[in-house]
Protein backbone atom coordinates (compact mmCIF):
# COMPACT_ATOMS: atom_id res chain seq x y z
CA UNK A 1 -24.96 21.49 -0.83
CA UNK A 2 -24.70 24.16 1.62
CA UNK A 3 -24.30 21.81 4.54
CA UNK A 4 -21.69 19.80 2.60
CA UNK A 5 -19.48 23.03 2.34
CA UNK A 6 -20.44 24.59 5.52
CA UNK A 7 -17.40 25.79 7.80
CA UNK A 8 -14.93 25.84 4.81
CA UNK A 9 -12.00 28.06 5.31
CA UNK A 10 -12.63 28.88 8.80
CA UNK A 11 -9.41 28.75 11.20
CA UNK A 12 -10.44 25.41 12.42
CA UNK A 13 -11.25 23.99 9.12
CA UNK A 14 -7.83 25.24 7.73
CA UNK A 15 -5.71 23.93 10.85
CA UNK A 16 -7.68 20.33 10.43
CA UNK A 17 -6.68 20.62 6.56
CA UNK A 18 -3.28 21.07 7.31
CA UNK A 19 -3.28 17.92 9.23
CA UNK A 20 -5.08 15.93 6.87
CA UNK A 21 -2.47 17.12 3.99
CA UNK A 22 0.26 16.03 6.14
CA UNK A 23 -1.43 12.70 6.96
CA UNK A 24 -1.85 12.02 3.06
CA UNK A 25 1.56 12.64 2.43
CA UNK A 26 3.00 10.41 5.11
CA UNK A 27 0.41 7.87 4.81
CA UNK A 28 0.25 7.67 1.05
CA UNK A 29 3.78 6.81 0.46
CA UNK A 30 3.55 3.18 1.31
CA UNK A 31 0.60 2.85 -1.00
CA UNK A 32 2.53 4.41 -3.78
CA UNK A 33 5.35 1.96 -3.23
CA UNK A 34 2.95 -0.98 -3.06
CA UNK A 35 1.54 0.18 -6.49
CA UNK A 36 5.17 0.25 -7.98
CA UNK A 37 6.03 -3.16 -6.67
CA UNK A 38 2.86 -4.74 -8.12
CA UNK A 39 3.41 -3.26 -11.46
CA UNK A 40 7.27 -3.76 -11.68
CA UNK A 41 6.93 -7.14 -13.92
CA UNK A 42 4.55 -5.64 -16.36
CA UNK A 43 5.40 -4.74 -19.75
CA UNK A 44 5.99 -1.07 -20.25
CA UNK A 45 2.91 -0.21 -22.13
CA UNK A 46 0.93 -1.85 -19.22
CA UNK A 47 2.53 -0.16 -16.33
CA UNK A 48 0.98 3.15 -16.57
CA UNK A 49 -2.43 1.72 -17.40
CA UNK A 50 -2.19 -0.40 -14.09
CA UNK A 51 -1.04 2.23 -12.08
CA UNK A 52 -3.95 4.50 -12.97
CA UNK A 53 -6.58 1.70 -12.98
CA UNK A 54 -5.46 0.23 -9.60
CA UNK A 55 -4.78 3.56 -7.98
CA UNK A 56 -8.03 5.25 -8.93
CA UNK A 57 -9.72 1.77 -7.94
CA UNK A 58 -8.09 1.95 -4.53
CA UNK A 59 -9.00 5.60 -3.94
CA UNK A 60 -12.61 4.90 -5.00
CA UNK A 61 -12.52 1.75 -2.40
CA UNK A 62 -11.17 4.34 0.03
CA UNK A 63 -13.92 6.71 -0.58
CA UNK A 64 -16.63 4.04 -0.20
CA UNK A 65 -14.90 3.05 3.20
CA UNK A 66 -14.67 6.46 4.53
CA UNK A 67 -18.34 7.09 3.83
CA UNK A 68 -19.94 4.06 4.75
CA UNK A 69 -17.62 1.51 6.72
CA UNK A 70 -15.33 3.59 9.19
CA UNK A 71 -16.96 2.11 12.10
CA UNK A 72 -16.28 -1.32 10.60
CA UNK A 73 -12.62 -0.60 10.08
CA UNK A 74 -12.33 0.35 13.54
CA UNK A 75 -13.68 -2.92 14.74
CA UNK A 76 -11.14 -5.18 16.70
CA UNK A 77 -8.80 -7.61 14.82
CA UNK A 78 -9.60 -5.92 11.42
CA UNK A 79 -6.10 -4.46 11.42
CA UNK A 80 -4.53 -7.31 12.91
CA UNK A 81 -5.77 -9.63 10.17
CA UNK A 82 -4.82 -6.90 7.53
CA UNK A 83 -1.48 -6.59 8.86
CA UNK A 84 -0.92 -10.60 8.43
CA UNK A 85 -2.19 -10.44 5.02
CA UNK A 86 0.06 -7.42 4.15
CA UNK A 87 3.10 -9.50 5.67
CA UNK A 88 2.12 -12.16 2.91
CA UNK A 89 1.66 -9.78 0.15
CA UNK A 90 5.23 -8.06 0.88
CA UNK A 91 6.99 -11.34 0.43
CA UNK A 92 4.80 -12.23 -2.66
CA UNK A 93 5.59 -9.04 -4.56
CA UNK A 94 9.22 -9.40 -3.61
CA UNK A 95 9.46 -12.93 -5.07
CA UNK A 96 7.09 -12.56 -8.00
CA UNK A 97 8.91 -13.72 -10.94
CA UNK A 98 8.09 -13.56 -14.67
CA UNK A 99 7.39 -16.78 -16.07
CA UNK A 100 9.93 -17.75 -18.91
CA UNK A 101 8.37 -18.87 -22.14
CA UNK A 102 9.80 -21.54 -24.50
CA UNK A 103 11.84 -19.10 -26.45
CA UNK A 104 13.64 -18.17 -23.34
CA UNK A 105 12.03 -14.81 -23.35
CA UNK A 106 10.06 -13.43 -20.42
CA UNK A 107 6.38 -13.70 -20.55
CA UNK A 108 4.62 -10.57 -19.34
CA UNK A 109 3.07 -10.66 -15.86
CA UNK A 110 -0.63 -10.63 -15.63
CA UNK A 111 -2.28 -7.17 -15.83
CA UNK A 112 -5.47 -8.40 -14.14
CA UNK A 113 -3.22 -9.96 -11.24
CA UNK A 114 -1.39 -6.71 -10.63
CA UNK A 115 -4.47 -4.71 -10.52
CA UNK A 116 -6.11 -7.29 -7.95
CA UNK A 117 -3.05 -7.06 -5.89
CA UNK A 118 -3.00 -3.09 -5.96
CA UNK A 119 -6.91 -3.07 -4.89
CA UNK A 120 -6.63 -5.62 -2.12
CA UNK A 121 -3.24 -4.43 -0.57
CA UNK A 122 -4.03 -0.69 -0.85
CA UNK A 123 -7.47 -1.54 1.02
CA UNK A 124 -5.37 -3.14 3.74
CA UNK A 125 -2.79 -0.33 3.84
CA UNK A 126 -5.46 2.25 3.73
CA UNK A 127 -7.20 1.47 7.08
CA UNK A 128 -4.75 3.64 8.87
CA UNK A 129 -5.62 6.64 6.13
CA UNK A 130 -9.21 6.12 6.62
CA UNK A 131 -9.46 6.05 10.25
CA UNK A 132 -7.04 8.87 10.61
CA UNK A 133 -8.72 10.94 8.03
CA UNK A 134 -12.27 10.52 9.90
CA UNK A 135 -10.54 11.24 13.23
CA UNK A 136 -9.10 14.70 11.97
CA UNK A 137 -12.34 15.43 10.14
CA UNK A 138 -14.48 14.96 13.17
CA UNK A 139 -12.75 17.78 15.05
CA UNK A 140 -14.68 20.19 12.73
CA UNK A 141 -18.07 18.67 12.76
CA UNK A 142 -19.62 21.47 10.64
CA UNK A 143 -16.78 20.75 8.06
CA UNK A 144 -16.44 17.19 8.46
CA UNK A 145 -17.49 16.40 4.86
CA UNK A 146 -15.63 19.04 3.14
CA UNK A 147 -12.50 17.94 4.91
CA UNK A 148 -13.06 14.16 3.99
CA UNK A 149 -13.62 14.77 0.39
CA UNK A 150 -10.66 17.47 0.11
CA UNK A 151 -8.51 14.83 1.88
CA UNK A 152 -9.40 11.99 -0.60
CA UNK A 153 -8.92 14.37 -3.63
CA UNK A 154 -5.49 14.98 -2.50
CA UNK A 155 -4.50 11.63 -1.88
CA UNK A 156 -5.09 10.58 -5.63
CA UNK A 157 -1.98 12.36 -7.13
CA UNK A 158 0.03 11.58 -4.30
CA UNK A 159 -0.47 7.75 -4.64
CA UNK A 160 -0.56 8.04 -8.71
CA UNK A 161 2.67 10.11 -9.24
CA UNK A 162 4.28 8.66 -6.31
CA UNK A 163 3.81 5.13 -7.65
CA UNK A 164 5.30 6.13 -11.20
CA UNK A 165 8.43 7.95 -9.44
CA UNK A 166 9.27 4.96 -7.34
CA UNK A 167 8.76 2.65 -10.16
CA UNK A 168 11.07 4.46 -12.38
CA UNK A 169 13.76 4.46 -9.37
CA UNK A 170 13.33 0.80 -9.21
CA UNK A 171 13.92 0.46 -12.77
CA UNK A 172 17.47 2.28 -12.33
CA UNK A 173 18.22 0.66 -8.81
CA UNK A 174 16.50 -2.83 -8.55
CA UNK A 175 17.87 -3.02 -5.05
CA UNK A 176 14.97 -0.66 -4.08
CA UNK A 177 12.62 -3.35 -4.71
CA UNK A 178 14.01 -4.75 -1.28
CA UNK A 179 13.63 -1.30 0.43
CA UNK A 180 9.92 -1.07 -0.79
CA UNK A 181 9.19 -4.48 0.53
CA UNK A 182 10.88 -3.66 3.79
CA UNK A 183 8.53 -0.68 4.21
CA UNK A 184 5.61 -2.93 3.49
CA UNK A 185 6.67 -5.43 6.16
CA UNK A 186 7.18 -2.19 8.51
CA UNK A 187 3.50 -1.28 7.73
CA UNK A 188 2.35 -4.48 8.32
CA UNK A 189 3.60 -4.65 11.92
CA UNK A 190 2.45 -1.23 12.54
CA UNK A 191 -1.14 -2.38 11.52
CA UNK A 192 -1.21 -5.38 13.93
CA UNK A 193 0.13 -3.15 16.73
CA UNK A 194 -2.57 -0.66 16.16
CA UNK A 195 -5.38 -3.15 16.12
CA UNK A 196 -8.13 -2.56 18.87
CA UNK A 197 -8.24 -6.13 19.98
CA UNK A 198 -4.88 -7.48 20.10
CA UNK A 199 -2.76 -4.68 19.69
CA UNK A 200 -2.30 -3.90 23.13
CA UNK A 201 -0.21 -7.03 23.69
CA UNK A 202 2.00 -6.22 21.14
CA UNK A 203 2.51 -2.56 21.73
CA UNK A 204 5.29 -2.86 24.31
CA UNK A 205 7.28 -4.42 21.62
CA UNK A 206 6.22 -2.40 18.80
CA UNK A 207 9.66 -1.56 17.52
CA UNK A 208 11.00 -5.12 17.91
CA UNK A 209 7.80 -6.46 15.94
CA UNK A 210 8.50 -3.86 13.13
CA UNK A 211 12.08 -4.92 12.96
CA UNK A 212 11.26 -8.39 12.87
CA UNK A 213 8.88 -8.22 10.14
CA UNK A 214 11.33 -6.25 8.04
CA UNK A 215 14.10 -9.18 8.56
CA UNK A 216 11.39 -11.69 7.81
CA UNK A 217 10.39 -10.14 4.51
CA UNK A 218 13.78 -9.33 3.30
CA UNK A 219 15.46 -12.68 4.57
CA UNK A 220 12.70 -15.04 3.20
CA UNK A 221 12.35 -12.76 0.01
CA UNK A 222 16.21 -13.17 -0.54
CA UNK A 223 16.12 -16.94 0.14
CA UNK A 224 13.23 -17.42 -2.18
CA UNK A 225 14.82 -15.46 -5.04
CA UNK A 226 18.15 -17.05 -4.66
CA UNK A 227 16.39 -20.68 -4.94
CA UNK A 228 14.59 -19.43 -7.99
CA UNK A 229 17.72 -18.14 -9.57
CA UNK A 230 19.40 -21.59 -8.83
CA UNK A 231 16.46 -23.51 -10.46
CA UNK A 232 16.64 -21.43 -13.42
CA UNK A 233 20.16 -22.19 -13.97
CA UNK A 234 19.71 -25.65 -13.28
CA UNK A 235 16.82 -25.68 -15.85
CA UNK A 236 18.96 -23.91 -18.42
CA UNK A 237 21.72 -26.49 -18.13
CA UNK A 238 19.42 -29.48 -18.56
CA UNK A 239 18.04 -27.92 -21.53
CA UNK A 240 21.65 -27.63 -23.12
């Protein structure tokens, strides 16, 4: 226990902790947006439950990875594959519609599917959080574990409350859904550029790649949503 809290509150520890706090604020925002997007189609009474279960599950995964799998996450190609998967998830969340039931009402989206999406996508998006947190913590070897624990604990309220705030904003301004998906597309490109194996080939075109991914997410999402609306109208017309 003494080793765990060794070096706490020293000038070096406080400087590293300030860096971790800033990283949590900057890097946890996209995680919060992801959770809000995944929960947008759930009925009201399930949204908060999905946010907390998915959020705490994602933080648990982050803890396990930080403690046991940091070296694995730093391996080549991991971030590139994760970025490609996140690009797919961004489009899927933007075009995920509720299925209409026979009475014309909307059947609730799957609670389990929302939680699974949160866990998988948050794991992908947490790679940069985990590696950054471990990197800053390693600058103070004697206080490494206390910094990691504090950093992970701080990320919990940022992700959970941030998701609830963004979800409420999306309900009032549905156009923000496209903004959230665009941020996920930007993050996907950032992950791929940061990859240890292939990132060096894309680094000179990092900005162009990020913009391209945003355009792909928004363009494909808009097209698929419009096609869905057209099919819905044709279906209603045929039923009449």
